[in-house]
Amino acid sequence: MNNGHKVHNTYTVVGTNIEEVKRQNASSGMSYNEVKALLVQQRRNKEQPNIIE
């Protein structure tokens, strides 16, 4: 998230570094909802009969 610019760390009241949390979230992989959507799509694709032309 730096992009060559100086990053000003912002902290919550309890001391959580918001920029660090954003950085870690960006590199953590798929979210729960993204995984759910992927599984639904894969199941739909599997249930559809193969069309051979």
PDB file of N, CA and C in Angstrom:
ATOM      1  N   MET A   1       0.809  -1.191   0.000  1.00  0.00           N
ATOM      2  CA  MET A   1       0.000   0.000   0.000  1.00  0.00           C
ATOM      3  C   MET A   1       0.856   1.260   0.000  1.00  0.00           C
ATOM      4  N   ASN A   2       2.138   1.116   0.071  1.00  0.00           N
ATOM      5  CA  ASN A   2       3.019   2.254   0.169  1.00  0.00           C
ATOM      6  C   ASN A   2       3.076   3.043  -1.136  1.00  0.00           C
ATOM      7  N   ASN A   3       3.261   2.393  -2.264  1.00  0.00           N
ATOM      8  CA  ASN A   3       3.306   3.014  -3.589  1.00  0.00           C
ATOM      9  C   ASN A   3       4.289   4.179  -3.663  1.00  0.00           C
ATOM     10  N   GLY A   4       5.360   4.135  -2.889  1.00  0.00           N
ATOM     11  CA  GLY A   4       6.358   5.188  -2.916  1.00  0.00           C
ATOM     12  C   GLY A   4       5.980   6.430  -2.132  1.00  0.00           C
ATOM     13  N   HIS A   5       4.822   6.437  -1.508  1.00  0.00           N
ATOM     14  CA  HIS A   5       4.373   7.577  -0.715  1.00  0.00           C
ATOM     15  C   HIS A   5       4.567   7.276   0.765  1.00  0.00           C
ATOM     16  N   LYS A   6       4.787   8.320   1.540  1.00  0.00           N
ATOM     17  CA  LYS A   6       4.917   8.144   2.980  1.00  0.00           C
ATOM     18  C   LYS A   6       3.562   7.742   3.549  1.00  0.00           C
ATOM     19  N   VAL A   7       3.543   6.671   4.335  1.00  0.00           N
ATOM     20  CA  VAL A   7       2.312   6.167   4.928  1.00  0.00           C
ATOM     21  C   VAL A   7       2.209   6.686   6.352  1.00  0.00           C
ATOM     22  N   HIS A   8       1.091   7.329   6.659  1.00  0.00           N
ATOM     23  CA  HIS A   8       0.832   7.786   8.013  1.00  0.00           C
ATOM     24  C   HIS A   8       0.007   6.722   8.710  1.00  0.00           C
ATOM     25  N   ASN A   9       0.599   6.099   9.708  1.00  0.00           N
ATOM     26  CA  ASN A   9      -0.109   5.051  10.436  1.00  0.00           C
ATOM     27  C   ASN A   9      -1.234   5.650  11.270  1.00  0.00           C
ATOM     28  N   THR A  10      -2.394   5.057  11.149  1.00  0.00           N
ATOM     29  CA  THR A  10      -3.559   5.476  11.912  1.00  0.00           C
ATOM     30  C   THR A  10      -3.889   4.351  12.872  1.00  0.00           C
ATOM     31  N   TYR A  11      -4.151   4.718  14.110  1.00  0.00           N
ATOM     32  CA  TYR A  11      -4.415   3.728  15.135  1.00  0.00           C
ATOM     33  C   TYR A  11      -5.831   3.892  15.689  1.00  0.00           C
ATOM     34  N   THR A  12      -6.440   2.763  16.056  1.00  0.00           N
ATOM     35  CA  THR A  12      -7.743   2.801  16.721  1.00  0.00           C
ATOM     36  C   THR A  12      -7.534   3.211  18.180  1.00  0.00           C
ATOM     37  N   VAL A  13      -8.611   3.389  18.900  1.00  0.00           N
ATOM     38  CA  VAL A  13      -8.550   3.783  20.309  1.00  0.00           C
ATOM     39  C   VAL A  13      -7.769   2.772  21.134  1.00  0.00           C
ATOM     40  N   VAL A  14      -7.879   1.489  20.776  1.00  0.00           N
ATOM     41  CA  VAL A  14      -7.177   0.454  21.554  1.00  0.00           C
ATOM     42  C   VAL A  14      -5.778   0.176  21.026  1.00  0.00           C
ATOM     43  N   GLY A  15      -5.338   0.914  20.007  1.00  0.00           N
ATOM     44  CA  GLY A  15      -3.961   0.808  19.548  1.00  0.00           C
ATOM     45  C   GLY A  15      -3.719  -0.059  18.326  1.00  0.00           C
ATOM     46  N   THR A  16      -4.755  -0.477  17.612  1.00  0.00           N
ATOM     47  CA  THR A  16      -4.576  -1.285  16.407  1.00  0.00           C
ATOM     48  C   THR A  16      -4.115  -0.402  15.253  1.00  0.00           C
ATOM     49  N   ASN A  17      -3.045  -0.805  14.592  1.00  0.00           N
ATOM     50  CA  ASN A  17      -2.525  -0.077  13.442  1.00  0.00           C
ATOM     51  C   ASN A  17      -3.391  -0.414  12.224  1.00  0.00           C
ATOM     52  N   ILE A  18      -4.220   0.517  11.804  1.00  0.00           N
ATOM     53  CA  ILE A  18      -5.183   0.270  10.723  1.00  0.00           C
ATOM     54  C   ILE A  18      -4.472  -0.028   9.407  1.00  0.00           C
ATOM     55  N   GLU A  19      -3.399   0.688   9.095  1.00  0.00           N
ATOM     56  CA  GLU A  19      -2.680   0.458   7.834  1.00  0.00           C
ATOM     57  C   GLU A  19      -2.058  -0.939   7.804  1.00  0.00           C
ATOM     58  N   GLU A  20      -1.569  -1.406   8.938  1.00  0.00           N
ATOM     59  CA  GLU A  20      -0.993  -2.753   9.005  1.00  0.00           C
ATOM     60  C   GLU A  20      -2.068  -3.814   8.799  1.00  0.00           C
ATOM     61  N   VAL A  21      -3.237  -3.609   9.379  1.00  0.00           N
ATOM     62  CA  VAL A  21      -4.350  -4.547   9.190  1.00  0.00           C
ATOM     63  C   VAL A  21      -4.748  -4.590   7.717  1.00  0.00           C
ATOM     64  N   LYS A  22      -4.845  -3.441   7.061  1.00  0.00           N
ATOM     65  CA  LYS A  22      -5.192  -3.395   5.632  1.00  0.00           C
ATOM     66  C   LYS A  22      -4.142  -4.134   4.805  1.00  0.00           C
ATOM     67  N   ARG A  23      -2.864  -3.928   5.154  1.00  0.00           N
ATOM     68  CA  ARG A  23      -1.780  -4.592   4.414  1.00  0.00           C
ATOM     69  C   ARG A  23      -1.881  -6.108   4.559  1.00  0.00           C
ATOM     70  N   GLN A  24      -2.116  -6.570   5.772  1.00  0.00           N
ATOM     71  CA  GLN A  24      -2.224  -8.009   6.003  1.00  0.00           C
ATOM     72  C   GLN A  24      -3.463  -8.595   5.325  1.00  0.00           C
ATOM     73  N   ASN A  25      -4.569  -7.881   5.353  1.00  0.00           N
ATOM     74  CA  ASN A  25      -5.784  -8.352   4.696  1.00  0.00           C
ATOM     75  C   ASN A  25      -5.594  -8.481   3.192  1.00  0.00           C
ATOM     76  N   ALA A  26      -4.863  -7.547   2.602  1.00  0.00           N
ATOM     77  CA  ALA A  26      -4.643  -7.564   1.156  1.00  0.00           C
ATOM     78  C   ALA A  26      -3.850  -8.791   0.715  1.00  0.00           C
ATOM     79  N   SER A  27      -3.014  -9.321   1.601  1.00  0.00           N
ATOM     80  CA  SER A  27      -2.180 -10.466   1.226  1.00  0.00           C
ATOM     81  C   SER A  27      -2.659 -11.770   1.850  1.00  0.00           C
ATOM     82  N   SER A  28      -3.879 -11.788   2.380  1.00  0.00           N
ATOM     83  CA  SER A  28      -4.325 -12.968   3.126  1.00  0.00           C
ATOM     84  C   SER A  28      -5.076 -13.989   2.283  1.00  0.00           C
ATOM     85  N   GLY A  29      -5.375 -13.685   1.044  1.00  0.00           N
ATOM     86  CA  GLY A  29      -6.094 -14.647   0.210  1.00  0.00           C
ATOM     87  C   GLY A  29      -7.578 -14.327   0.131  1.00  0.00           C
ATOM     88  N   MET A  30      -8.366 -15.336  -0.175  1.00  0.00           N
ATOM     89  CA  MET A  30      -9.792 -15.154  -0.395  1.00  0.00           C
ATOM     90  C   MET A  30     -10.545 -14.948   0.922  1.00  0.00           C
ATOM     91  N   SER A  31     -11.600 -14.149   0.845  1.00  0.00           N
ATOM     92  CA  SER A  31     -12.458 -13.954   2.015  1.00  0.00           C
ATOM     93  C   SER A  31     -13.446 -15.113   2.112  1.00  0.00           C
ATOM     94  N   TYR A  32     -14.124 -15.186   3.225  1.00  0.00           N
ATOM     95  CA  TYR A  32     -15.142 -16.224   3.434  1.00  0.00           C
ATOM     96  C   TYR A  32     -16.210 -16.157   2.346  1.00  0.00           C
ATOM     97  N   ASN A  33     -16.693 -14.956   2.039  1.00  0.00           N
ATOM     98  CA  ASN A  33     -17.737 -14.806   1.025  1.00  0.00           C
ATOM     99  C   ASN A  33     -17.226 -15.137  -0.375  1.00  0.00           C
ATOM    100  N   GLU A  34     -15.964 -14.836  -0.671  1.00  0.00           N
ATOM    101  CA  GLU A  34     -15.393 -15.194  -1.964  1.00  0.00           C
ATOM    102  C   GLU A  34     -15.305 -16.713  -2.112  1.00  0.00           C
ATOM    103  N   VAL A  35     -14.928 -17.409  -1.055  1.00  0.00           N
ATOM    104  CA  VAL A  35     -14.860 -18.872  -1.078  1.00  0.00           C
ATOM    105  C   VAL A  35     -16.254 -19.457  -1.274  1.00  0.00           C
ATOM    106  N   LYS A  36     -17.234 -18.916  -0.558  1.00  0.00           N
ATOM    107  CA  LYS A  36     -18.614 -19.391  -0.703  1.00  0.00           C
ATOM    108  C   LYS A  36     -19.100 -19.234  -2.142  1.00  0.00           C
ATOM    109  N   ALA A  37     -18.854 -18.073  -2.739  1.00  0.00           N
ATOM    110  CA  ALA A  37     -19.283 -17.821  -4.115  1.00  0.00           C
ATOM    111  C   ALA A  37     -18.595 -18.773  -5.088  1.00  0.00           C
ATOM    112  N   LEU A  38     -17.318 -19.032  -4.881  1.00  0.00           N
ATOM    113  CA  LEU A  38     -16.577 -19.949  -5.739  1.00  0.00           C
ATOM    114  C   LEU A  38     -17.148 -21.365  -5.642  1.00  0.00           C
ATOM    115  N   LEU A  39     -17.441 -21.813  -4.425  1.00  0.00           N
ATOM    116  CA  LEU A  39     -17.997 -23.157  -4.238  1.00  0.00           C
ATOM    117  C   LEU A  39     -19.378 -23.284  -4.877  1.00  0.00           C
ATOM    118  N   VAL A  40     -20.195 -22.253  -4.757  1.00  0.00           N
ATOM    119  CA  VAL A  40     -21.522 -22.267  -5.390  1.00  0.00           C
ATOM    120  C   VAL A  40     -21.370 -22.371  -6.899  1.00  0.00           C
ATOM    121  N   GLN A  41     -20.476 -21.581  -7.473  1.00  0.00           N
ATOM    122  CA  GLN A  41     -20.269 -21.602  -8.928  1.00  0.00           C
ATOM    123  C   GLN A  41     -19.755 -22.964  -9.377  1.00  0.00           C
ATOM    124  N   GLN A  42     -18.823 -23.547  -8.644  1.00  0.00           N
ATOM    125  CA  GLN A  42     -18.295 -24.859  -9.021  1.00  0.00           C
ATOM    126  C   GLN A  42     -19.378 -25.922  -8.948  1.00  0.00           C
ATOM    127  N   ARG A  43     -20.232 -25.837  -7.944  1.00  0.00           N
ATOM    128  CA  ARG A  43     -21.320 -26.809  -7.814  1.00  0.00           C
ATOM    129  C   ARG A  43     -22.312 -26.674  -8.968  1.00  0.00           C
ATOM    130  N   ARG A  44     -22.632 -25.436  -9.333  1.00  0.00           N
ATOM    131  CA  ARG A  44     -23.540 -25.209 -10.470  1.00  0.00           C
ATOM    132  C   ARG A  44     -22.948 -25.762 -11.755  1.00  0.00           C
ATOM    133  N   ASN A  45     -21.660 -25.529 -11.963  1.00  0.00           N
ATOM    134  CA  ASN A  45     -20.996 -26.036 -13.166  1.00  0.00           C
ATOM    135  C   ASN A  45     -21.006 -27.563 -13.193  1.00  0.00           C
ATOM    136  N   LYS A  46     -20.852 -28.183 -12.038  1.00  0.00           N
ATOM    137  CA  LYS A  46     -20.819 -29.631 -11.954  1.00  0.00           C
ATOM    138  C   LYS A  46     -22.194 -30.246 -12.206  1.00  0.00           C
ATOM    139  N   GLU A  47     -23.249 -29.551 -11.773  1.00  0.00           N
ATOM    140  CA  GLU A  47     -24.614 -30.061 -11.914  1.00  0.00           C
ATOM    141  C   GLU A  47     -25.150 -29.920 -13.335  1.00  0.00           C
ATOM    142  N   GLN A  48     -24.596 -29.011 -14.114  1.00  0.00           N
ATOM    143  CA  GLN A  48     -25.065 -28.822 -15.481  1.00  0.00           C
ATOM    144  C   GLN A  48     -24.517 -29.947 -16.356  1.00  0.00           C
ATOM    145  N   PRO A  49     -25.368 -30.523 -17.222  1.00  0.00           N
ATOM    146  CA  PRO A  49     -24.887 -31.578 -18.100  1.00  0.00           C
ATOM    147  C   PRO A  49     -23.887 -31.026 -19.122  1.00  0.00           C
ATOM    148  N   ASN A  50     -22.918 -31.833 -19.474  1.00  0.00           N
ATOM    149  CA  ASN A  50     -21.931 -31.439 -20.478  1.00  0.00           C
ATOM    150  C   ASN A  50     -22.596 -31.388 -21.843  1.00  0.00           C
ATOM    151  N   ILE A  51     -22.370 -30.324 -22.555  1.00  0.00           N
ATOM    152  CA  ILE A  51     -22.934 -30.169 -23.901  1.00  0.00           C
ATOM    153  C   ILE A  51     -21.817 -30.415 -24.899  1.00  0.00           C
ATOM    154  N   ILE A  52     -22.013 -31.402 -25.757  1.00  0.00           N
ATOM    155  CA  ILE A  52     -21.006 -31.736 -26.766  1.00  0.00           C
ATOM    156  C   ILE A  52     -21.590 -31.356 -28.125  1.00  0.00           C
ATOM    157  N   GLU A  53     -20.829 -30.552 -28.846  1.00  0.00           N
ATOM    158  CA  GLU A  53     -21.301 -30.142 -30.171  1.00  0.00           C
ATOM    159  C   GLU A  53     -20.541 -30.847 -31.253  1.00  0.00           C
TER     160      GLU A  53
END
